[in-house]
Amino acid sequence: MKSDLRRKISERNTGIVLYSLTPPKITTAEERVLTIAHNQMENLKRLDIDGLILYDIQDESTRTEKERTFSFIPTIAPEQYGYNFLADLPVPKIIYKSIANQTRESFGNWLEQNDHLELAVFVGASSHQQIEATNFSLTDAYELHKAASSNILLGGITIPERHSKKGDEHLRIQHKINNGCGFFVSQCVYNLNDTKNLLSDYYYNATENGTEMAPLIFTLAPCGSLKTLQFMEWLGIEVPKWLYNDLKNARDILTTSVYTATNIAAEILNYAHAKNIPVGFNIESISNKKEEINAAHELLNYVLDMTKSLRNKTPLGASQATPVQVY
């Protein structure tokens, strides 16, 4: 039976709200993994989310020459963590799968073994060196998915910052839609201008070509320390200089970042609503510190209130949008 999340995606609904987690490191003892999973399920049962994203973390050292802020340790495969440890959590799970270091044969085997998954997002390699080493690309993964007649509803990654550099992110999205993607999840957003530029080009390209727009789910995350801020930059998250200065000099960086992310969500929601672009949000905590996880839950509740308020006040497609309020 199809989940409510899958239906909302297929109907291109606005207001989808997700939460995301990174599975524990593979070096974590199983008893500790069981405890972590139990605590996560207890916390997540209280959150009114449409679905849970489980990330597939890969070493991205070939993407940049900058030193990684936190050392890389592989994590439990998201499909294993979701269905072996979070099975009792009654929300749809979106499984990320990186094609980095995959070959056509190994990825084909993964698809065959995981056809029971409902939703997945394929993540491209972080550098051309990885693709050349395996002779396997994201497009190849899409082709295998199509050839396998897989039941998995496929999602894609979008990076608004990439649009400011190359100006073709909306075309990348359309290419992925043509390859079977039904929704998109962004990298964490802190640059509102880049995001609205992408939304604008996405909308006008779809309007001019008579194509339907798939939902874009924008990731938001609190930042509780300069170390987290530096790691966000290492990940490629664009933090405008004015905002970097504000966060760096804030008396309470965590509260400031939650307020900023809430404002960004409201701006995105209002802009998209006026053009009837289906958008939603994914909330994450980049850090595993308790205070930043709690702040992510606070941000999630603000976003849930905004999406509900928008749906209740003005039907999508109305000629004049009613702006949502920020907190």
C-alpha atoms as a PDB file:
ATOM      1  CA  MET A   1       0.000   0.000   0.000  1.00  0.00           C
ATOM      2  CA  LYS A   2       1.302   3.437  -0.928  1.00  0.00           C
ATOM      3  CA  SER A   3       2.113   5.748   1.961  1.00  0.00           C
ATOM      4  CA  ASP A   4       0.568   9.173   2.416  1.00  0.00           C
ATOM      5  CA  LEU A   5       3.974  10.692   1.643  1.00  0.00           C
ATOM      6  CA  ARG A   6       4.155   8.929  -1.687  1.00  0.00           C
ATOM      7  CA  ARG A   7       0.673  10.196  -2.513  1.00  0.00           C
ATOM      8  CA  LYS A   8       1.577  13.774  -1.560  1.00  0.00           C
ATOM      9  CA  ILE A   9       4.654  13.633  -3.776  1.00  0.00           C
ATOM     10  CA  SER A  10       2.715  12.161  -6.694  1.00  0.00           C
ATOM     11  CA  GLU A  11       0.039  14.856  -6.319  1.00  0.00           C
ATOM     12  CA  ARG A  12       2.771  17.530  -6.140  1.00  0.00           C
ATOM     13  CA  ASN A  13       1.570  18.865  -2.827  1.00  0.00           C
ATOM     14  CA  THR A  14       3.087  21.866  -1.109  1.00  0.00           C
ATOM     15  CA  GLY A  15       3.917  21.624   2.595  1.00  0.00           C
ATOM     16  CA  ILE A  16       5.645  18.242   2.800  1.00  0.00           C
ATOM     17  CA  VAL A  17       7.819  18.271   5.925  1.00  0.00           C
ATOM     18  CA  LEU A  18      10.590  15.737   6.509  1.00  0.00           C
ATOM     19  CA  TYR A  19      13.198  15.149   9.184  1.00  0.00           C
ATOM     20  CA  SER A  20      16.591  13.609   8.481  1.00  0.00           C
ATOM     21  CA  LEU A  21      19.124  11.518  10.359  1.00  0.00           C
ATOM     22  CA  THR A  22      22.574  10.118   9.788  1.00  0.00           C
ATOM     23  CA  PRO A  23      22.879   6.468  10.908  1.00  0.00           C
ATOM     24  CA  PRO A  24      25.411   5.690  13.652  1.00  0.00           C
ATOM     25  CA  LYS A  25      29.024   5.036  12.704  1.00  0.00           C
ATOM     26  CA  ILE A  26      29.918   1.456  11.833  1.00  0.00           C
ATOM     27  CA  THR A  27      32.338   1.439  14.765  1.00  0.00           C
ATOM     28  CA  THR A  28      29.430   1.827  17.219  1.00  0.00           C
ATOM     29  CA  ALA A  29      28.747  -1.243  19.350  1.00  0.00           C
ATOM     30  CA  GLU A  30      25.408  -2.916  18.555  1.00  0.00           C
ATOM     31  CA  GLU A  31      24.033  -2.374  22.076  1.00  0.00           C
ATOM     32  CA  ARG A  32      24.759   1.325  21.693  1.00  0.00           C
ATOM     33  CA  VAL A  33      23.131   1.357  18.230  1.00  0.00           C
ATOM     34  CA  LEU A  34      19.993  -0.209  19.717  1.00  0.00           C
ATOM     35  CA  THR A  35      19.909   2.487  22.408  1.00  0.00           C
ATOM     36  CA  ILE A  36      20.410   5.277  19.871  1.00  0.00           C
ATOM     37  CA  ALA A  37      17.670   3.877  17.639  1.00  0.00           C
ATOM     38  CA  HIS A  38      15.253   3.523  20.554  1.00  0.00           C
ATOM     39  CA  ASN A  39      15.823   7.114  21.673  1.00  0.00           C
ATOM     40  CA  GLN A  40      15.444   8.408  18.123  1.00  0.00           C
ATOM     41  CA  MET A  41      12.168   6.569  17.633  1.00  0.00           C
ATOM     42  CA  GLU A  42      10.797   7.892  20.917  1.00  0.00           C
ATOM     43  CA  ASN A  43      11.670  11.458  19.882  1.00  0.00           C
ATOM     44  CA  LEU A  44      10.451  11.099  16.294  1.00  0.00           C
ATOM     45  CA  LYS A  45       7.083   9.613  17.308  1.00  0.00           C
ATOM     46  CA  ARG A  46       6.269  13.018  18.815  1.00  0.00           C
ATOM     47  CA  LEU A  47       7.045  14.895  15.582  1.00  0.00           C
ATOM     48  CA  ASP A  48       4.299  15.475  13.038  1.00  0.00           C
ATOM     49  CA  ILE A  49       6.462  14.667  10.005  1.00  0.00           C
ATOM     50  CA  ASP A  50       5.541  13.209   6.625  1.00  0.00           C
ATOM     51  CA  GLY A  51       8.679  11.108   6.376  1.00  0.00           C
ATOM     52  CA  LEU A  52      12.207  10.425   7.568  1.00  0.00           C
ATOM     53  CA  ILE A  53      15.355  10.778   5.441  1.00  0.00           C
ATOM     54  CA  LEU A  54      18.272   8.481   6.235  1.00  0.00           C
ATOM     55  CA  TYR A  55      21.535   9.755   4.782  1.00  0.00           C
ATOM     56  CA  ASP A  56      24.269   7.740   3.092  1.00  0.00           C
ATOM     57  CA  ILE A  57      27.465   9.488   4.201  1.00  0.00           C
ATOM     58  CA  GLN A  58      30.503   9.174   1.958  1.00  0.00           C
ATOM     59  CA  ASP A  59      34.089  10.390   2.110  1.00  0.00           C
ATOM     60  CA  GLU A  60      34.195  13.551  -0.017  1.00  0.00           C
ATOM     61  CA  SER A  61      37.896  14.300   0.312  1.00  0.00           C
ATOM     62  CA  THR A  62      38.329  14.344  -3.490  1.00  0.00           C
ATOM     63  CA  ARG A  63      35.691  17.101  -3.815  1.00  0.00           C
ATOM     64  CA  THR A  64      37.777  19.785  -2.113  1.00  0.00           C
ATOM     65  CA  GLU A  65      41.309  20.436  -0.975  1.00  0.00           C
ATOM     66  CA  LYS A  66      40.094  21.977   2.286  1.00  0.00           C
ATOM     67  CA  GLU A  67      40.686  19.960   5.418  1.00  0.00           C
ATOM     68  CA  ARG A  68      37.556  18.264   6.745  1.00  0.00           C
ATOM     69  CA  THR A  69      36.343  19.811  10.013  1.00  0.00           C
ATOM     70  CA  PHE A  70      35.239  16.464  11.460  1.00  0.00           C
ATOM     71  CA  SER A  71      37.040  13.219  10.624  1.00  0.00           C
ATOM     72  CA  PHE A  72      35.211  10.811   8.307  1.00  0.00           C
ATOM     73  CA  ILE A  73      34.088   7.449   9.675  1.00  0.00           C
ATOM     74  CA  PRO A  74      31.699   5.292   7.582  1.00  0.00           C
ATOM     75  CA  THR A  75      28.183   4.828   8.933  1.00  0.00           C
ATOM     76  CA  ILE A  76      25.738   1.921   8.940  1.00  0.00           C
ATOM     77  CA  ALA A  77      24.056   1.644   5.536  1.00  0.00           C
ATOM     78  CA  PRO A  78      20.822   3.690   5.714  1.00  0.00           C
ATOM     79  CA  GLU A  79      18.631   0.899   4.323  1.00  0.00           C
ATOM     80  CA  GLN A  80      19.956  -1.461   7.004  1.00  0.00           C
ATOM     81  CA  TYR A  81      19.554   1.067   9.799  1.00  0.00           C
ATOM     82  CA  GLY A  82      16.057   2.052   8.709  1.00  0.00           C
ATOM     83  CA  TYR A  83      14.670  -1.454   8.416  1.00  0.00           C
ATOM     84  CA  ASN A  84      16.678  -3.284  11.067  1.00  0.00           C
ATOM     85  CA  PHE A  85      16.765  -0.669  13.826  1.00  0.00           C
ATOM     86  CA  LEU A  86      13.957   1.826  13.063  1.00  0.00           C
ATOM     87  CA  ALA A  87      11.370  -0.690  11.863  1.00  0.00           C
ATOM     88  CA  ASP A  88       8.933   0.239  14.637  1.00  0.00           C
ATOM     89  CA  LEU A  89       8.866   3.897  13.602  1.00  0.00           C
ATOM     90  CA  PRO A  90       5.575   4.309  11.703  1.00  0.00           C
ATOM     91  CA  VAL A  91       6.687   6.917   9.155  1.00  0.00           C
ATOM     92  CA  PRO A  92       7.817   6.451   5.527  1.00  0.00           C
ATOM     93  CA  LYS A  93      11.576   6.337   5.128  1.00  0.00           C
ATOM     94  CA  ILE A  94      13.525   7.914   2.269  1.00  0.00           C
ATOM     95  CA  ILE A  95      16.788   6.049   1.780  1.00  0.00           C
ATOM     96  CA  TYR A  96      19.764   7.913   0.342  1.00  0.00           C
ATOM     97  CA  LYS A  97      22.083   5.836  -1.820  1.00  0.00           C
ATOM     98  CA  SER A  98      25.407   7.173  -3.037  1.00  0.00           C
ATOM     99  CA  ILE A  99      26.681   5.869  -6.357  1.00  0.00           C
ATOM    100  CA  ALA A 100      30.259   6.747  -5.375  1.00  0.00           C
ATOM    101  CA  ASN A 101      32.517   3.678  -5.655  1.00  0.00           C
ATOM    102  CA  GLN A 102      29.653   1.687  -7.172  1.00  0.00           C
ATOM    103  CA  THR A 103      29.960  -0.260 -10.424  1.00  0.00           C
ATOM    104  CA  ARG A 104      27.117  -1.142 -12.752  1.00  0.00           C
ATOM    105  CA  GLU A 105      27.134  -4.683 -11.373  1.00  0.00           C
ATOM    106  CA  SER A 106      27.230  -3.752  -7.676  1.00  0.00           C
ATOM    107  CA  PHE A 107      24.534  -1.112  -8.052  1.00  0.00           C
ATOM    108  CA  GLY A 108      22.335  -3.496 -10.029  1.00  0.00           C
ATOM    109  CA  ASN A 109      22.679  -6.005  -7.197  1.00  0.00           C
ATOM    110  CA  TRP A 110      21.766  -3.315  -4.656  1.00  0.00           C
ATOM    111  CA  LEU A 111      18.607  -2.440  -6.613  1.00  0.00           C
ATOM    112  CA  GLU A 112      17.586  -6.085  -6.780  1.00  0.00           C
ATOM    113  CA  GLN A 113      18.151  -6.633  -3.054  1.00  0.00           C
ATOM    114  CA  ASN A 114      16.326  -3.449  -2.041  1.00  0.00           C
ATOM    115  CA  ASP A 115      13.279  -3.406  -4.291  1.00  0.00           C
ATOM    116  CA  HIS A 116      11.150  -3.432  -1.129  1.00  0.00           C
ATOM    117  CA  LEU A 117      12.174   0.186  -0.430  1.00  0.00           C
ATOM    118  CA  GLU A 118       9.408   2.696  -1.030  1.00  0.00           C
ATOM    119  CA  LEU A 119      11.404   5.883  -1.606  1.00  0.00           C
ATOM    120  CA  ALA A 120      15.053   6.552  -2.372  1.00  0.00           C
ATOM    121  CA  VAL A 121      17.338   9.364  -3.447  1.00  0.00           C
ATOM    122  CA  PHE A 122      20.347   8.504  -5.587  1.00  0.00           C
ATOM    123  CA  VAL A 123      23.349  10.719  -4.820  1.00  0.00           C
ATOM    124  CA  GLY A 124      26.012  11.341  -7.451  1.00  0.00           C
ATOM    125  CA  ALA A 125      29.744  10.955  -6.906  1.00  0.00           C
ATOM    126  CA  SER A 126      31.450  13.978  -5.367  1.00  0.00           C
ATOM    127  CA  SER A 127      34.134  14.193  -8.049  1.00  0.00           C
ATOM    128  CA  HIS A 128      34.889  13.199 -11.642  1.00  0.00           C
ATOM    129  CA  GLN A 129      37.768  11.045 -10.359  1.00  0.00           C
ATOM    130  CA  GLN A 130      35.299   8.724  -8.653  1.00  0.00           C
ATOM    131  CA  ILE A 131      33.203   8.374 -11.821  1.00  0.00           C
ATOM    132  CA  GLU A 132      36.288   7.692 -13.941  1.00  0.00           C
ATOM    133  CA  ALA A 133      37.496   5.077 -11.459  1.00  0.00           C
ATOM    134  CA  THR A 134      34.251   3.073 -11.623  1.00  0.00           C
ATOM    135  CA  ASN A 135      32.947   4.073 -15.060  1.00  0.00           C
ATOM    136  CA  PHE A 136      29.555   4.482 -13.413  1.00  0.00           C
ATOM    137  CA  SER A 137      27.585   7.731 -13.202  1.00  0.00           C
ATOM    138  CA  LEU A 138      24.317   8.982 -11.777  1.00  0.00           C
ATOM    139  CA  THR A 139      22.727   8.744 -15.231  1.00  0.00           C
ATOM    140  CA  ASP A 140      23.773   5.080 -15.353  1.00  0.00           C
ATOM    141  CA  ALA A 141      22.061   4.552 -11.982  1.00  0.00           C
ATOM    142  CA  TYR A 142      18.841   6.106 -13.301  1.00  0.00           C
ATOM    143  CA  GLU A 143      18.979   3.836 -16.352  1.00  0.00           C
ATOM    144  CA  LEU A 144      19.411   0.734 -14.183  1.00  0.00           C
ATOM    145  CA  HIS A 145      16.482   1.825 -12.009  1.00  0.00           C
ATOM    146  CA  LYS A 146      14.291   2.211 -15.099  1.00  0.00           C
ATOM    147  CA  ALA A 147      15.431  -1.070 -16.650  1.00  0.00           C
ATOM    148  CA  ALA A 148      14.731  -2.933 -13.417  1.00  0.00           C
ATOM    149  CA  SER A 149      11.126  -1.627 -13.378  1.00  0.00           C
ATOM    150  CA  SER A 150      11.787  -0.867  -9.723  1.00  0.00           C
ATOM    151  CA  ASN A 151       8.903   0.023  -7.420  1.00  0.00           C
ATOM    152  CA  ILE A 152      11.073   2.605  -5.650  1.00  0.00           C
ATOM    153  CA  LEU A 153       9.807   6.169  -6.044  1.00  0.00           C
ATOM    154  CA  LEU A 154      12.951   8.036  -6.965  1.00  0.00           C
ATOM    155  CA  GLY A 155      14.094  11.431  -5.732  1.00  0.00           C
ATOM    156  CA  GLY A 156      17.028  13.614  -6.662  1.00  0.00           C
ATOM    157  CA  ILE A 157      19.418  16.109  -5.125  1.00  0.00           C
ATOM    158  CA  THR A 158      19.353  19.804  -5.969  1.00  0.00           C
ATOM    159  CA  ILE A 159      21.974  22.369  -4.941  1.00  0.00           C
ATOM    160  CA  PRO A 160      20.825  26.007  -5.140  1.00  0.00           C
ATOM    161  CA  GLU A 161      24.418  27.275  -4.702  1.00  0.00           C
ATOM    162  CA  ARG A 162      25.387  25.453  -7.880  1.00  0.00           C
ATOM    163  CA  HIS A 163      22.781  27.509  -9.726  1.00  0.00           C
ATOM    164  CA  SER A 164      24.567  30.758  -8.836  1.00  0.00           C
ATOM    165  CA  LYS A 165      27.784  29.407 -10.353  1.00  0.00           C
ATOM    166  CA  LYS A 166      26.494  27.609 -13.459  1.00  0.00           C
ATOM    167  CA  GLY A 167      22.956  28.903 -13.926  1.00  0.00           C
ATOM    168  CA  ASP A 168      21.607  25.533 -15.026  1.00  0.00           C
ATOM    169  CA  GLU A 169      20.346  23.863 -11.864  1.00  0.00           C
ATOM    170  CA  HIS A 170      16.742  24.099 -13.087  1.00  0.00           C
ATOM    171  CA  LEU A 171      17.791  22.220 -16.236  1.00  0.00           C
ATOM    172  CA  ARG A 172      19.535  19.578 -14.122  1.00  0.00           C
ATOM    173  CA  ILE A 173      16.275  19.136 -12.219  1.00  0.00           C
ATOM    174  CA  GLN A 174      14.320  18.733 -15.458  1.00  0.00           C
ATOM    175  CA  HIS A 175      16.890  16.214 -16.730  1.00  0.00           C
ATOM    176  CA  LYS A 176      16.442  14.197 -13.536  1.00  0.00           C
ATOM    177  CA  ILE A 177      12.647  14.403 -13.831  1.00  0.00           C
ATOM    178  CA  ASN A 178      13.008  12.982 -17.335  1.00  0.00           C
ATOM    179  CA  ASN A 179      15.059  10.169 -15.780  1.00  0.00           C
ATOM    180  CA  GLY A 180      12.342   9.245 -13.298  1.00  0.00           C
ATOM    181  CA  CYS A 181      12.786  11.570 -10.305  1.00  0.00           C
ATOM    182  CA  GLY A 182       9.506  12.601  -8.705  1.00  0.00           C
ATOM    183  CA  PHE A 183      10.818  14.913  -5.978  1.00  0.00           C
ATOM    184  CA  PHE A 184      13.994  16.728  -4.966  1.00  0.00           C
ATOM    185  CA  VAL A 185      15.780  17.425  -1.698  1.00  0.00           C
ATOM    186  CA  SER A 186      18.203  20.324  -1.498  1.00  0.00           C
ATOM    187  CA  GLN A 187      21.475  20.683   0.270  1.00  0.00           C
ATOM    188  CA  CYS A 188      21.098  22.779   3.434  1.00  0.00           C
ATOM    189  CA  VAL A 189      19.969  26.298   2.483  1.00  0.00           C
ATOM    190  CA  TYR A 190      21.382  29.465   4.024  1.00  0.00           C
ATOM    191  CA  ASN A 191      21.607  31.613   0.893  1.00  0.00           C
ATOM    192  CA  LEU A 192      18.071  32.788   0.185  1.00  0.00           C
ATOM    193  CA  ASN A 193      18.995  34.714  -2.968  1.00  0.00           C
ATOM    194  CA  ASP A 194      20.430  31.624  -4.681  1.00  0.00           C
ATOM    195  CA  THR A 195      17.352  29.646  -3.669  1.00  0.00           C
ATOM    196  CA  LYS A 196      14.858  32.158  -5.051  1.00  0.00           C
ATOM    197  CA  ASN A 197      16.859  32.452  -8.279  1.00  0.00           C
ATOM    198  CA  LEU A 198      16.573  28.688  -8.703  1.00  0.00           C
ATOM    199  CA  LEU A 199      12.851  28.713  -7.931  1.00  0.00           C
ATOM    200  CA  SER A 200      12.292  31.500 -10.453  1.00  0.00           C
ATOM    201  CA  ASP A 201      14.133  29.731 -13.286  1.00  0.00           C
ATOM    202  CA  TYR A 202      12.474  26.422 -12.368  1.00  0.00           C
ATOM    203  CA  TYR A 203       9.030  28.021 -12.539  1.00  0.00           C
ATOM    204  CA  TYR A 204       9.496  29.962 -15.784  1.00  0.00           C
ATOM    205  CA  ASN A 205      11.184  27.047 -17.537  1.00  0.00           C
ATOM    206  CA  ALA A 206       8.239  24.777 -16.604  1.00  0.00           C
ATOM    207  CA  THR A 207       5.742  27.456 -17.674  1.00  0.00           C
ATOM    208  CA  GLU A 208       7.404  28.025 -21.034  1.00  0.00           C
ATOM    209  CA  ASN A 209       7.698  24.305 -21.774  1.00  0.00           C
ATOM    210  CA  GLY A 210       4.344  23.196 -20.381  1.00  0.00           C
ATOM    211  CA  THR A 211       5.923  20.747 -17.930  1.00  0.00           C
ATOM    212  CA  GLU A 212       4.748  19.947 -14.408  1.00  0.00           C
ATOM    213  CA  MET A 213       6.975  20.792 -11.468  1.00  0.00           C
ATOM    214  CA  ALA A 214       8.053  18.112  -9.020  1.00  0.00           C
ATOM    215  CA  PRO A 215       8.143  19.096  -5.320  1.00  0.00           C
ATOM    216  CA  LEU A 216      11.366  20.730  -4.128  1.00  0.00           C
ATOM    217  CA  ILE A 217      12.133  19.952  -0.479  1.00  0.00           C
ATOM    218  CA  PHE A 218      14.514  22.532   1.005  1.00  0.00           C
ATOM    219  CA  THR A 219      16.809  21.452   3.822  1.00  0.00           C
ATOM    220  CA  LEU A 220      17.170  23.705   6.856  1.00  0.00           C
ATOM    221  CA  ALA A 221      19.461  23.214   9.842  1.00  0.00           C
ATOM    222  CA  PRO A 222      20.413  25.130  12.986  1.00  0.00           C
ATOM    223  CA  CYS A 223      24.039  26.030  13.683  1.00  0.00           C
ATOM    224  CA  GLY A 224      25.217  25.981  17.273  1.00  0.00           C
ATOM    225  CA  SER A 225      28.930  26.689  17.060  1.00  0.00           C
ATOM    226  CA  LEU A 226      31.680  28.064  14.860  1.00  0.00           C
ATOM    227  CA  LYS A 227      32.903  24.504  14.324  1.00  0.00           C
ATOM    228  CA  THR A 228      29.504  23.507  12.947  1.00  0.00           C
ATOM    229  CA  LEU A 229      29.521  26.645  10.785  1.00  0.00           C
ATOM    230  CA  GLN A 230      32.959  25.725   9.419  1.00  0.00           C
ATOM    231  CA  PHE A 231      31.781  22.178   8.688  1.00  0.00           C
ATOM    232  CA  MET A 232      28.758  23.546   6.842  1.00  0.00           C
ATOM    233  CA  GLU A 233      31.113  25.561   4.646  1.00  0.00           C
ATOM    234  CA  TRP A 234      33.278  22.469   4.070  1.00  0.00           C
ATOM    235  CA  LEU A 235      30.153  20.641   2.895  1.00  0.00           C
ATOM    236  CA  GLY A 236      29.670  23.363   0.284  1.00  0.00           C
ATOM    237  CA  ILE A 237      26.807  25.174   2.030  1.00  0.00           C
ATOM    238  CA  GLU A 238      26.927  28.824   0.968  1.00  0.00           C
ATOM    239  CA  VAL A 239      26.649  31.142   3.961  1.00  0.00           C
ATOM    240  CA  PRO A 240      26.522  34.812   2.841  1.00  0.00           C
ATOM    241  CA  LYS A 241      29.198  37.016   4.428  1.00  0.00           C
ATOM    242  CA  TRP A 242      26.681  39.171   6.298  1.00  0.00           C
ATOM    243  CA  LEU A 243      25.077  36.089   7.813  1.00  0.00           C
ATOM    244  CA  TYR A 244      28.451  34.516   8.632  1.00  0.00           C
ATOM    245  CA  ASN A 245      29.375  37.706  10.501  1.00  0.00           C
ATOM    246  CA  ASP A 246      26.043  37.755  12.342  1.00  0.00           C
ATOM    247  CA  LEU A 247      26.358  34.119  13.415  1.00  0.00           C
ATOM    248  CA  LYS A 248      30.025  34.433  14.350  1.00  0.00           C
ATOM    249  CA  ASN A 249      29.366  37.460  16.555  1.00  0.00           C
ATOM    250  CA  ALA A 250      25.965  36.419  17.924  1.00  0.00           C
ATOM    251  CA  ARG A 251      25.548  36.276  21.678  1.00  0.00           C
ATOM    252  CA  ASP A 252      23.557  33.067  21.092  1.00  0.00           C
ATOM    253  CA  ILE A 253      24.529  31.549  17.749  1.00  0.00           C
ATOM    254  CA  LEU A 254      22.017  28.699  18.032  1.00  0.00           C
ATOM    255  CA  THR A 255      18.994  30.933  18.633  1.00  0.00           C
ATOM    256  CA  THR A 256      20.132  33.298  15.881  1.00  0.00           C
ATOM    257  CA  SER A 257      20.474  30.447  13.392  1.00  0.00           C
ATOM    258  CA  VAL A 258      17.004  29.057  14.218  1.00  0.00           C
ATOM    259  CA  TYR A 259      15.478  32.510  13.726  1.00  0.00           C
ATOM    260  CA  THR A 260      17.375  32.884  10.425  1.00  0.00           C
ATOM    261  CA  ALA A 261      16.311  29.466   9.140  1.00  0.00           C
ATOM    262  CA  THR A 262      12.687  30.200  10.095  1.00  0.00           C
ATOM    263  CA  ASN A 263      12.780  33.434   8.120  1.00  0.00           C
ATOM    264  CA  ILE A 264      14.304  31.618   5.146  1.00  0.00           C
ATOM    265  CA  ALA A 265      11.509  29.040   5.275  1.00  0.00           C
ATOM    266  CA  ALA A 266       8.855  31.762   5.317  1.00  0.00           C
ATOM    267  CA  GLU A 267      10.453  33.571   2.364  1.00  0.00           C
ATOM    268  CA  ILE A 268      10.651  30.357   0.329  1.00  0.00           C
ATOM    269  CA  LEU A 269       7.087  29.385   1.196  1.00  0.00           C
ATOM    270  CA  ASN A 270       5.628  32.770   0.328  1.00  0.00           C
ATOM    271  CA  TYR A 271       7.579  33.099  -2.921  1.00  0.00           C
ATOM    272  CA  ALA A 272       6.713  29.564  -4.063  1.00  0.00           C
ATOM    273  CA  HIS A 273       3.072  29.849  -2.985  1.00  0.00           C
ATOM    274  CA  ALA A 274       2.553  32.966  -5.120  1.00  0.00           C
ATOM    275  CA  LYS A 275       3.657  30.958  -8.187  1.00  0.00           C
ATOM    276  CA  ASN A 276       2.099  27.645  -7.140  1.00  0.00           C
ATOM    277  CA  ILE A 277       5.493  25.931  -7.012  1.00  0.00           C
ATOM    278  CA  PRO A 278       5.271  22.783  -4.847  1.00  0.00           C
ATOM    279  CA  VAL A 279       7.812  23.137  -2.041  1.00  0.00           C
ATOM    280  CA  GLY A 280       8.429  21.540   1.318  1.00  0.00           C
ATOM    281  CA  PHE A 281      11.132  21.343   3.967  1.00  0.00           C
ATOM    282  CA  ASN A 282      13.572  18.859   5.420  1.00  0.00           C
ATOM    283  CA  ILE A 283      14.924  19.623   8.883  1.00  0.00           C
ATOM    284  CA  GLU A 284      18.247  18.236  10.046  1.00  0.00           C
ATOM    285  CA  SER A 285      20.866  18.703  12.731  1.00  0.00           C
ATOM    286  CA  ILE A 286      24.342  18.749  11.226  1.00  0.00           C
ATOM    287  CA  SER A 287      25.823  18.237  14.676  1.00  0.00           C
ATOM    288  CA  ASN A 288      25.042  15.342  17.018  1.00  0.00           C
ATOM    289  CA  LYS A 289      25.115  17.635  20.052  1.00  0.00           C
ATOM    290  CA  LYS A 290      21.932  17.492  22.117  1.00  0.00           C
ATOM    291  CA  GLU A 291      21.349  21.258  22.083  1.00  0.00           C
ATOM    292  CA  GLU A 292      21.564  21.411  18.279  1.00  0.00           C
ATOM    293  CA  ILE A 293      19.228  18.427  17.903  1.00  0.00           C
ATOM    294  CA  ASN A 294      16.750  20.145  20.247  1.00  0.00           C
ATOM    295  CA  ALA A 295      17.082  23.317  18.174  1.00  0.00           C
ATOM    296  CA  ALA A 296      16.324  21.299  15.021  1.00  0.00           C
ATOM    297  CA  HIS A 297      13.114  20.064  16.675  1.00  0.00           C
ATOM    298  CA  GLU A 298      12.229  23.668  17.569  1.00  0.00           C
ATOM    299  CA  LEU A 299      12.837  24.723  13.970  1.00  0.00           C
ATOM    300  CA  LEU A 300      10.722  21.806  12.776  1.00  0.00           C
ATOM    301  CA  ASN A 301       7.768  22.941  14.876  1.00  0.00           C
ATOM    302  CA  TYR A 302       8.012  26.483  13.493  1.00  0.00           C
ATOM    303  CA  VAL A 303       8.057  25.120   9.940  1.00  0.00           C
ATOM    304  CA  LEU A 304       5.115  22.797  10.624  1.00  0.00           C
ATOM    305  CA  ASP A 305       3.103  25.742  11.946  1.00  0.00           C
ATOM    306  CA  MET A 306       3.928  27.784   8.838  1.00  0.00           C
ATOM    307  CA  THR A 307       2.961  25.085   6.352  1.00  0.00           C
ATOM    308  CA  LYS A 308      -0.289  24.383   8.189  1.00  0.00           C
ATOM    309  CA  SER A 309      -1.093  28.097   8.380  1.00  0.00           C
ATOM    310  CA  LEU A 310      -0.549  28.547   4.666  1.00  0.00           C
ATOM    311  CA  ARG A 311      -2.735  25.583   3.735  1.00  0.00           C
ATOM    312  CA  ASN A 312      -5.526  26.758   6.021  1.00  0.00           C
ATOM    313  CA  LYS A 313      -5.553  30.409   4.936  1.00  0.00           C
ATOM    314  CA  THR A 314      -5.331  30.294   1.166  1.00  0.00           C
ATOM    315  CA  PRO A 315      -5.861  27.416  -1.293  1.00  0.00           C
ATOM    316  CA  LEU A 316      -2.865  26.804  -3.535  1.00  0.00           C
ATOM    317  CA  GLY A 317      -3.300  28.375  -6.898  1.00  0.00           C
ATOM    318  CA  ALA A 318      -5.224  31.357  -5.523  1.00  0.00           C
ATOM    319  CA  SER A 319      -4.587  34.614  -7.350  1.00  0.00           C
ATOM    320  CA  GLN A 320      -3.195  36.318  -4.254  1.00  0.00           C
ATOM    321  CA  ALA A 321      -1.103  34.531  -1.672  1.00  0.00           C
ATOM    322  CA  THR A 322      -1.529  35.185   2.025  1.00  0.00           C
ATOM    323  CA  PRO A 323       1.976  35.553   3.482  1.00  0.00           C
ATOM    324  CA  VAL A 324       2.832  33.286   6.366  1.00  0.00           C
ATOM    325  CA  GLN A 325       4.201  34.864   9.514  1.00  0.00           C
ATOM    326  CA  VAL A 326       7.634  34.224  10.996  1.00  0.00           C
ATOM    327  CA  TYR A 327       8.279  33.791  14.677  1.00  0.00           C
END
